Amino acid sequence: MISIKELSKKYGSHTVLQGVDLNLNGGCVSGIVGHNGAGKTTLFNCIAGLETYDGEIISAHQPLKDYLGYLETNPHFLSYMTGWEYLKWVSTAKGIGEEDFESKNIFDLPLHQYALTYSTGMKKKLALMGELLRRNMVFIFDEPFNGVDLRSNLLMVEVINKLKAQGKLILISSHIFMILKEVCDEIYLLEEGKIVMGSGTPTKIEEMETRLKLGLNQSSGLDWI
């Protein structure tokens, strides 16, 4: 379990997160949804220990960073490191003496090619493989479905369901609300740095979807189409 209490984050005078309270549980997939700039990635960076913050993050796993796998929106790699070398590097860093990566190559990646030859989607899949190999207890996936082909998205959903069945704690953000509704046990709406709504029930999910669409007809200017 991870308990987040009164978490706030500022960059200078700009407040990004304001008093966020969340309780996240193992064996559960939690989703964070919100418009661009709502603070989703900043929240994830705080949980992952990549940002300083005010407030508390309490976890049964200490230190949390040693048990946490973080799939960023745009993973970065050394250009002249092969996929195989990357997987070996992250495994060794966790004390895992893994060598046979081809048998675990669920996305059929060209592991002996340099990372600079990888597309955006391939890099995301390589980063996910690395996190899975490290056998963490907590997983944060920031926009995992963006830039990834249909087959890999379906496989990613299977991965998430398997991690959930293993009792892992999974936290996901996505702009694709339909996928969040499919894979998440609970969804939280983040607006202007605040959690303003949690799903809880199908009715709440409908309310959340309506709120996300609020003002669309007035502002989108579709009449010319």
C-alpha atoms as a PDB file:
ATOM      1  CA  MET A   1       0.000   0.000   0.000  1.00  0.00           C
ATOM      2  CA  ILE A   2       1.056   3.577  -0.690  1.00  0.00           C
ATOM      3  CA  SER A   3      -0.543   6.425   1.208  1.00  0.00           C
ATOM      4  CA  ILE A   4      -0.137   9.934  -0.203  1.00  0.00           C
ATOM      5  CA  LYS A   5      -1.028  12.744   2.169  1.00  0.00           C
ATOM      6  CA  GLU A   6      -1.306  16.458   1.387  1.00  0.00           C
ATOM      7  CA  LEU A   7       1.242  16.202  -1.433  1.00  0.00           C
ATOM      8  CA  SER A   8       2.010  19.570  -3.011  1.00  0.00           C
ATOM      9  CA  LYS A   9       4.582  20.687  -5.541  1.00  0.00           C
ATOM     10  CA  LYS A  10       5.628  24.123  -6.748  1.00  0.00           C
ATOM     11  CA  TYR A  11       8.063  25.310  -9.402  1.00  0.00           C
ATOM     12  CA  GLY A  12       8.899  28.785  -8.200  1.00  0.00           C
ATOM     13  CA  SER A  13       5.581  30.571  -7.769  1.00  0.00           C
ATOM     14  CA  HIS A  14       3.730  28.077  -9.990  1.00  0.00           C
ATOM     15  CA  THR A  15       1.754  25.448  -8.059  1.00  0.00           C
ATOM     16  CA  VAL A  16       1.501  22.139  -9.936  1.00  0.00           C
ATOM     17  CA  LEU A  17       0.055  19.855  -7.226  1.00  0.00           C
ATOM     18  CA  GLN A  18      -2.161  20.998  -4.367  1.00  0.00           C
ATOM     19  CA  GLY A  19      -2.812  18.772  -1.355  1.00  0.00           C
ATOM     20  CA  VAL A  20      -3.150  15.449  -3.199  1.00  0.00           C
ATOM     21  CA  ASP A  21      -4.489  12.607  -1.014  1.00  0.00           C
ATOM     22  CA  LEU A  22      -4.495   9.040  -2.368  1.00  0.00           C
ATOM     23  CA  ASN A  23      -4.478   5.522  -0.965  1.00  0.00           C
ATOM     24  CA  LEU A  24      -3.183   2.945  -3.440  1.00  0.00           C
ATOM     25  CA  ASN A  25      -3.313  -0.802  -2.804  1.00  0.00           C
ATOM     26  CA  GLY A  26      -1.536  -3.902  -4.031  1.00  0.00           C
ATOM     27  CA  GLY A  27      -3.515  -6.182  -6.329  1.00  0.00           C
ATOM     28  CA  CYS A  28      -5.262  -3.110  -7.675  1.00  0.00           C
ATOM     29  CA  VAL A  29      -4.897  -1.025 -10.853  1.00  0.00           C
ATOM     30  CA  SER A  30      -5.388   2.680 -10.193  1.00  0.00           C
ATOM     31  CA  GLY A  31      -5.753   5.200 -13.002  1.00  0.00           C
ATOM     32  CA  ILE A  32      -5.056   8.917 -13.091  1.00  0.00           C
ATOM     33  CA  VAL A  33      -6.819  10.912 -15.792  1.00  0.00           C
ATOM     34  CA  GLY A  34      -6.693  14.608 -16.535  1.00  0.00           C
ATOM     35  CA  HIS A  35      -6.083  17.144 -19.258  1.00  0.00           C
ATOM     36  CA  ASN A  36      -2.563  18.171 -20.311  1.00  0.00           C
ATOM     37  CA  GLY A  37      -0.894  20.176 -17.572  1.00  0.00           C
ATOM     38  CA  ALA A  38      -3.095  18.751 -14.824  1.00  0.00           C
ATOM     39  CA  GLY A  39      -0.009  17.457 -12.962  1.00  0.00           C
ATOM     40  CA  LYS A  40      -0.102  13.727 -13.696  1.00  0.00           C
ATOM     41  CA  THR A  41       3.569  13.314 -14.637  1.00  0.00           C
ATOM     42  CA  THR A  42       4.693  15.574 -11.787  1.00  0.00           C
ATOM     43  CA  LEU A  43       2.710  13.403  -9.353  1.00  0.00           C
ATOM     44  CA  PHE A  44       4.364  10.275 -10.749  1.00  0.00           C
ATOM     45  CA  ASN A  45       7.821  11.867 -10.531  1.00  0.00           C
ATOM     46  CA  CYS A  46       7.196  12.713  -6.876  1.00  0.00           C
ATOM     47  CA  ILE A  47       6.145   9.147  -6.057  1.00  0.00           C
ATOM     48  CA  ALA A  48       9.195   7.805  -7.935  1.00  0.00           C
ATOM     49  CA  GLY A  49      11.520  10.069  -5.942  1.00  0.00           C
ATOM     50  CA  LEU A  50      12.539  12.156  -8.949  1.00  0.00           C
ATOM     51  CA  GLU A  51      11.072  15.383  -7.549  1.00  0.00           C
ATOM     52  CA  THR A  52      11.075  17.006  -4.141  1.00  0.00           C
ATOM     53  CA  TYR A  53       7.665  17.832  -2.676  1.00  0.00           C
ATOM     54  CA  ASP A  54       5.757  18.907   0.405  1.00  0.00           C
ATOM     55  CA  GLY A  55       3.579  16.357   2.171  1.00  0.00           C
ATOM     56  CA  GLU A  56       4.028  12.634   2.794  1.00  0.00           C
ATOM     57  CA  ILE A  57       4.325   9.460   0.756  1.00  0.00           C
ATOM     58  CA  ILE A  58       4.126   6.439   3.055  1.00  0.00           C
ATOM     59  CA  SER A  59       4.797   2.939   1.736  1.00  0.00           C
ATOM     60  CA  ALA A  60       5.083  -0.547   3.187  1.00  0.00           C
ATOM     61  CA  HIS A  61       8.138  -0.952   0.929  1.00  0.00           C
ATOM     62  CA  GLN A  62      11.131   1.055   2.123  1.00  0.00           C
ATOM     63  CA  PRO A  63      12.878   2.704   0.453  1.00  0.00           C
ATOM     64  CA  LEU A  64      10.105   2.826  -2.132  1.00  0.00           C
ATOM     65  CA  LYS A  65      12.478   3.554  -5.033  1.00  0.00           C
ATOM     66  CA  ASP A  66      14.065   0.118  -4.583  1.00  0.00           C
ATOM     67  CA  TYR A  67      10.721  -1.594  -5.205  1.00  0.00           C
ATOM     68  CA  LEU A  68       9.331   0.690  -7.886  1.00  0.00           C
ATOM     69  CA  GLY A  69       9.385   0.385 -11.659  1.00  0.00           C
ATOM     70  CA  TYR A  70       8.618   3.576 -13.575  1.00  0.00           C
ATOM     71  CA  LEU A  71       7.739   3.542 -17.268  1.00  0.00           C
ATOM     72  CA  GLU A  72       8.057   7.160 -18.382  1.00  0.00           C
ATOM     73  CA  THR A  73       6.115   8.656 -21.281  1.00  0.00           C
ATOM     74  CA  ASN A  74       9.281   9.002 -23.386  1.00  0.00           C
ATOM     75  CA  PRO A  75      12.029   6.652 -22.155  1.00  0.00           C
ATOM     76  CA  HIS A  76      15.593   7.675 -23.000  1.00  0.00           C
ATOM     77  CA  PHE A  77      18.493   5.376 -23.920  1.00  0.00           C
ATOM     78  CA  LEU A  78      22.135   5.733 -24.812  1.00  0.00           C
ATOM     79  CA  SER A  79      22.165   5.781 -28.608  1.00  0.00           C
ATOM     80  CA  TYR A  80      24.884   3.151 -29.035  1.00  0.00           C
ATOM     81  CA  MET A  81      23.597   0.717 -26.424  1.00  0.00           C
ATOM     82  CA  THR A  82      21.788  -2.291 -27.852  1.00  0.00           C
ATOM     83  CA  GLY A  83      18.483  -3.515 -26.487  1.00  0.00           C
ATOM     84  CA  TRP A  84      20.244  -6.583 -25.069  1.00  0.00           C
ATOM     85  CA  GLU A  85      22.889  -4.432 -23.361  1.00  0.00           C
ATOM     86  CA  TYR A  86      20.182  -2.252 -21.812  1.00  0.00           C
ATOM     87  CA  LEU A  87      18.310  -5.238 -20.398  1.00  0.00           C
ATOM     88  CA  LYS A  88      21.560  -6.678 -19.051  1.00  0.00           C
ATOM     89  CA  TRP A  89      22.401  -3.336 -17.445  1.00  0.00           C
ATOM     90  CA  VAL A  90      19.065  -2.901 -15.642  1.00  0.00           C
ATOM     91  CA  SER A  91      19.023  -6.537 -14.531  1.00  0.00           C
ATOM     92  CA  THR A  92      22.556  -6.360 -13.123  1.00  0.00           C
ATOM     93  CA  ALA A  93      21.717  -3.129 -11.294  1.00  0.00           C
ATOM     94  CA  LYS A  94      18.973  -5.047  -9.434  1.00  0.00           C
ATOM     95  CA  GLY A  95      21.279  -7.999  -8.717  1.00  0.00           C
ATOM     96  CA  ILE A  96      19.540 -10.258 -11.244  1.00  0.00           C
ATOM     97  CA  GLY A  97      21.921 -12.419 -13.255  1.00  0.00           C
ATOM     98  CA  GLU A  98      19.710 -12.720 -16.311  1.00  0.00           C
ATOM     99  CA  GLU A  99      21.175 -13.506 -19.729  1.00  0.00           C
ATOM    100  CA  ASP A 100      18.423 -15.180 -21.781  1.00  0.00           C
ATOM    101  CA  PHE A 101      16.455 -12.124 -22.852  1.00  0.00           C
ATOM    102  CA  GLU A 102      15.265 -13.562 -26.164  1.00  0.00           C
ATOM    103  CA  SER A 103      12.972 -16.055 -24.394  1.00  0.00           C
ATOM    104  CA  LYS A 104      11.387 -13.126 -22.539  1.00  0.00           C
ATOM    105  CA  ASN A 105      11.204 -10.875 -25.622  1.00  0.00           C
ATOM    106  CA  ILE A 106       7.398 -10.614 -25.590  1.00  0.00           C
ATOM    107  CA  PHE A 107       7.386  -7.654 -28.006  1.00  0.00           C
ATOM    108  CA  ASP A 108       9.745  -9.287 -30.575  1.00  0.00           C
ATOM    109  CA  LEU A 109      12.231  -6.417 -30.343  1.00  0.00           C
ATOM    110  CA  PRO A 110      15.523  -6.472 -32.302  1.00  0.00           C
ATOM    111  CA  LEU A 111      17.627  -6.708 -29.137  1.00  0.00           C
ATOM    112  CA  HIS A 112      20.961  -6.699 -30.965  1.00  0.00           C
ATOM    113  CA  GLN A 113      20.280  -3.379 -32.689  1.00  0.00           C
ATOM    114  CA  TYR A 114      21.313  -0.025 -31.252  1.00  0.00           C
ATOM    115  CA  ALA A 115      18.681   1.996 -29.424  1.00  0.00           C
ATOM    116  CA  LEU A 116      19.071   4.832 -31.946  1.00  0.00           C
ATOM    117  CA  THR A 117      17.400   2.580 -34.535  1.00  0.00           C
ATOM    118  CA  TYR A 118      14.349   2.046 -32.321  1.00  0.00           C
ATOM    119  CA  SER A 119      11.067   3.866 -32.931  1.00  0.00           C
ATOM    120  CA  THR A 120       9.282   5.662 -30.081  1.00  0.00           C
ATOM    121  CA  GLY A 121       7.021   2.661 -29.537  1.00  0.00           C
ATOM    122  CA  MET A 122       9.938   0.209 -29.552  1.00  0.00           C
ATOM    123  CA  LYS A 123      11.760   2.261 -26.927  1.00  0.00           C
ATOM    124  CA  LYS A 124       8.688   2.204 -24.723  1.00  0.00           C
ATOM    125  CA  LYS A 125       8.406  -1.569 -25.076  1.00  0.00           C
ATOM    126  CA  LEU A 126      12.113  -2.032 -24.291  1.00  0.00           C
ATOM    127  CA  ALA A 127      11.769   0.114 -21.169  1.00  0.00           C
ATOM    128  CA  LEU A 128       8.747  -1.940 -20.075  1.00  0.00           C
ATOM    129  CA  MET A 129      10.683  -5.179 -20.553  1.00  0.00           C
ATOM    130  CA  GLY A 130      13.426  -3.767 -18.343  1.00  0.00           C
ATOM    131  CA  GLU A 131      10.981  -2.929 -15.562  1.00  0.00           C
ATOM    132  CA  LEU A 132       9.342  -6.363 -15.750  1.00  0.00           C
ATOM    133  CA  LEU A 133      12.714  -8.095 -15.518  1.00  0.00           C
ATOM    134  CA  ARG A 134      13.482  -6.180 -12.315  1.00  0.00           C
ATOM    135  CA  ARG A 135      10.446  -7.793 -10.634  1.00  0.00           C
ATOM    136  CA  ASN A 136       9.326  -4.723  -8.735  1.00  0.00           C
ATOM    137  CA  MET A 137       6.367  -4.588  -6.346  1.00  0.00           C
ATOM    138  CA  VAL A 138       5.083  -1.203  -7.517  1.00  0.00           C
ATOM    139  CA  PHE A 139       4.660  -0.126 -11.152  1.00  0.00           C
ATOM    140  CA  ILE A 140       3.950   3.349 -12.470  1.00  0.00           C
ATOM    141  CA  PHE A 141       3.053   3.583 -16.152  1.00  0.00           C
ATOM    142  CA  ASP A 142       2.843   7.117 -17.588  1.00  0.00           C
ATOM    143  CA  GLU A 143       0.892   7.024 -20.873  1.00  0.00           C
ATOM    144  CA  PRO A 144       1.944   3.422 -21.656  1.00  0.00           C
ATOM    145  CA  PHE A 145      -0.404   3.075 -24.644  1.00  0.00           C
ATOM    146  CA  ASN A 146       0.754   6.149 -26.575  1.00  0.00           C
ATOM    147  CA  GLY A 147       2.854   5.492 -29.681  1.00  0.00           C
ATOM    148  CA  VAL A 148       2.468   1.718 -29.382  1.00  0.00           C
ATOM    149  CA  ASP A 149       0.864  -0.510 -32.027  1.00  0.00           C
ATOM    150  CA  LEU A 150      -2.475  -2.252 -31.482  1.00  0.00           C
ATOM    151  CA  ARG A 151      -1.037  -5.737 -30.838  1.00  0.00           C
ATOM    152  CA  SER A 152       1.395  -4.365 -28.267  1.00  0.00           C
ATOM    153  CA  ASN A 153      -1.383  -2.388 -26.553  1.00  0.00           C
ATOM    154  CA  LEU A 154      -3.411  -5.576 -26.187  1.00  0.00           C
ATOM    155  CA  LEU A 155      -0.337  -7.365 -24.842  1.00  0.00           C
ATOM    156  CA  MET A 156       0.301  -4.490 -22.434  1.00  0.00           C
ATOM    157  CA  VAL A 157      -3.221  -4.909 -21.032  1.00  0.00           C
ATOM    158  CA  GLU A 158      -2.447  -8.599 -20.469  1.00  0.00           C
ATOM    159  CA  VAL A 159       0.789  -7.653 -18.685  1.00  0.00           C
ATOM    160  CA  ILE A 160      -1.082  -5.240 -16.418  1.00  0.00           C
ATOM    161  CA  ASN A 161      -3.698  -7.878 -15.572  1.00  0.00           C
ATOM    162  CA  LYS A 162      -0.985 -10.414 -14.752  1.00  0.00           C
ATOM    163  CA  LEU A 163       0.835  -7.970 -12.467  1.00  0.00           C
ATOM    164  CA  LYS A 164      -2.450  -7.271 -10.715  1.00  0.00           C
ATOM    165  CA  ALA A 165      -3.047 -11.021 -10.231  1.00  0.00           C
ATOM    166  CA  GLN A 166       0.404 -11.219  -8.610  1.00  0.00           C
ATOM    167  CA  GLY A 167      -0.656  -8.627  -6.037  1.00  0.00           C
ATOM    168  CA  LYS A 168       1.447  -5.809  -7.497  1.00  0.00           C
ATOM    169  CA  LEU A 169       0.430  -2.168  -7.125  1.00  0.00           C
ATOM    170  CA  ILE A 170      -0.104  -0.521 -10.515  1.00  0.00           C
ATOM    171  CA  LEU A 171      -0.671   3.176 -11.175  1.00  0.00           C
ATOM    172  CA  ILE A 172      -1.433   4.289 -14.746  1.00  0.00           C
ATOM    173  CA  SER A 173      -2.121   7.539 -16.550  1.00  0.00           C
ATOM    174  CA  SER A 174      -3.621   7.710 -20.009  1.00  0.00           C
ATOM    175  CA  HIS A 175      -5.480  10.133 -22.238  1.00  0.00           C
ATOM    176  CA  ILE A 176      -7.382   7.116 -23.579  1.00  0.00           C
ATOM    177  CA  PHE A 177     -10.239   7.010 -21.080  1.00  0.00           C
ATOM    178  CA  MET A 178     -11.794   3.884 -22.612  1.00  0.00           C
ATOM    179  CA  ILE A 179      -8.655   1.855 -21.869  1.00  0.00           C
ATOM    180  CA  LEU A 180      -8.530   3.138 -18.300  1.00  0.00           C
ATOM    181  CA  LYS A 181     -12.141   2.045 -17.826  1.00  0.00           C
ATOM    182  CA  GLU A 182     -11.190  -1.419 -19.062  1.00  0.00           C
ATOM    183  CA  VAL A 183      -8.040  -2.037 -17.004  1.00  0.00           C
ATOM    184  CA  CYS A 184      -8.482   0.026 -13.831  1.00  0.00           C
ATOM    185  CA  ASP A 185     -10.235  -0.886 -10.600  1.00  0.00           C
ATOM    186  CA  GLU A 186     -10.410   2.790  -9.667  1.00  0.00           C
ATOM    187  CA  ILE A 187      -9.833   6.033 -11.550  1.00  0.00           C
ATOM    188  CA  TYR A 188      -9.037   9.473 -10.149  1.00  0.00           C
ATOM    189  CA  LEU A 189      -9.577  12.755 -11.953  1.00  0.00           C
ATOM    190  CA  LEU A 190      -6.766  15.278 -11.527  1.00  0.00           C
ATOM    191  CA  GLU A 191      -7.632  18.888 -12.321  1.00  0.00           C
ATOM    192  CA  GLU A 192      -5.276  21.829 -11.798  1.00  0.00           C
ATOM    193  CA  GLY A 193      -3.164  19.787  -9.404  1.00  0.00           C
ATOM    194  CA  LYS A 194      -6.054  18.503  -7.278  1.00  0.00           C
ATOM    195  CA  ILE A 195      -7.846  15.164  -7.103  1.00  0.00           C
ATOM    196  CA  VAL A 196     -11.416  16.306  -7.698  1.00  0.00           C
ATOM    197  CA  MET A 197     -13.153  12.966  -8.204  1.00  0.00           C
ATOM    198  CA  GLY A 198     -12.685   9.232  -7.737  1.00  0.00           C
ATOM    199  CA  SER A 199     -14.573   6.585  -9.719  1.00  0.00           C
ATOM    200  CA  GLY A 200     -15.835   4.133  -7.105  1.00  0.00           C
ATOM    201  CA  THR A 201     -18.985   3.169  -9.025  1.00  0.00           C
ATOM    202  CA  PRO A 202     -20.089   2.980 -12.693  1.00  0.00           C
ATOM    203  CA  THR A 203     -22.174   6.110 -12.061  1.00  0.00           C
ATOM    204  CA  LYS A 204     -19.083   7.973 -10.888  1.00  0.00           C
ATOM    205  CA  ILE A 205     -17.210   6.886 -14.021  1.00  0.00           C
ATOM    206  CA  GLU A 206     -20.011   8.336 -16.151  1.00  0.00           C
ATOM    207  CA  GLU A 207     -19.843  11.569 -14.157  1.00  0.00           C
ATOM    208  CA  MET A 208     -16.077  11.694 -14.644  1.00  0.00           C
ATOM    209  CA  GLU A 209     -16.381  11.134 -18.396  1.00  0.00           C
ATOM    210  CA  THR A 210     -18.999  13.886 -18.593  1.00  0.00           C
ATOM    211  CA  ARG A 211     -16.742  16.231 -16.655  1.00  0.00           C
ATOM    212  CA  LEU A 212     -13.825  15.531 -18.997  1.00  0.00           C
ATOM    213  CA  LYS A 213     -16.055  16.378 -21.966  1.00  0.00           C
ATOM    214  CA  LEU A 214     -17.481  19.479 -20.290  1.00  0.00           C
ATOM    215  CA  GLY A 215     -17.292  22.477 -22.576  1.00  0.00           C
ATOM    216  CA  LEU A 216     -16.189  20.443 -25.601  1.00  0.00           C
ATOM    217  CA  ASN A 217     -19.106  21.475 -27.802  1.00  0.00           C
ATOM    218  CA  GLN A 218     -18.702  25.124 -26.879  1.00  0.00           C
ATOM    219  CA  SER A 219     -14.959  25.334 -27.397  1.00  0.00           C
ATOM    220  CA  SER A 220     -14.085  22.873 -30.124  1.00  0.00           C
ATOM    221  CA  GLY A 221     -15.606  24.835 -33.028  1.00  0.00           C
ATOM    222  CA  LEU A 222     -16.776  21.781 -34.982  1.00  0.00           C
ATOM    223  CA  ASP A 223     -19.467  23.590 -36.969  1.00  0.00           C
ATOM    224  CA  TRP A 224     -17.165  24.197 -39.949  1.00  0.00           C
ATOM    225  CA  ILE A 225     -16.546  20.484 -40.539  1.00  0.00           C
END
